[in-house]
């Protein structure tokens, strides 16, 4: 069994301008996508 954990801030809790909130969601998505792609490549 291989497990992993990516500590990602919850973008739903982001505050600020619409641009800053969108950036928080983009960051979370990219972090999880890149981690998943790396994990699946093991």
Protein backbone atom coordinates (compact mmCIF):
# COMPACT_ATOMS: atom_id res chain seq x y z
CA UNK A 1 0.00 0.00 0.00
CA UNK A 2 1.33 3.38 -0.98
CA UNK A 3 -0.19 6.50 0.52
CA UNK A 4 0.42 10.16 0.10
CA UNK A 5 -0.85 13.44 1.48
CA UNK A 6 -0.72 16.89 -0.02
CA UNK A 7 -1.35 19.68 2.44
CA UNK A 8 -3.43 22.15 0.47
CA UNK A 9 -5.23 25.13 1.93
CA UNK A 10 -8.99 24.99 1.39
CA UNK A 11 -9.65 27.47 -1.41
CA UNK A 12 -13.28 27.78 -0.30
CA UNK A 13 -11.95 29.66 2.72
CA UNK A 14 -10.01 32.15 0.60
CA UNK A 15 -10.78 35.81 1.04
CA UNK A 16 -9.91 38.87 -0.96
CA UNK A 17 -10.72 40.05 -4.42
CA UNK A 18 -12.31 37.77 -6.99
CA UNK A 19 -8.90 37.48 -8.63
CA UNK A 20 -7.25 36.41 -5.36
CA UNK A 21 -9.96 33.84 -4.66
CA UNK A 22 -9.65 32.45 -8.19
CA UNK A 23 -5.88 32.25 -7.71
CA UNK A 24 -6.40 30.20 -4.53
CA UNK A 25 -8.56 27.71 -6.43
CA UNK A 26 -6.07 27.56 -9.29
CA UNK A 27 -3.20 26.92 -6.88
CA UNK A 28 -5.08 24.12 -5.10
CA UNK A 29 -6.07 22.51 -8.40
CA UNK A 30 -2.53 22.63 -9.79
CA UNK A 31 -1.02 21.29 -6.58
CA UNK A 32 -3.40 18.33 -6.51
CA UNK A 33 -3.12 17.67 -10.26
CA UNK A 34 0.68 17.69 -10.25
CA UNK A 35 0.83 15.52 -7.14
CA UNK A 36 -1.63 13.04 -8.61
CA UNK A 37 0.25 12.84 -11.90
CA UNK A 38 3.51 12.25 -10.06
CA UNK A 39 1.92 9.65 -7.79
CA UNK A 40 0.40 7.75 -10.71
CA UNK A 41 3.79 7.72 -12.41
CA UNK A 42 5.37 5.70 -9.59
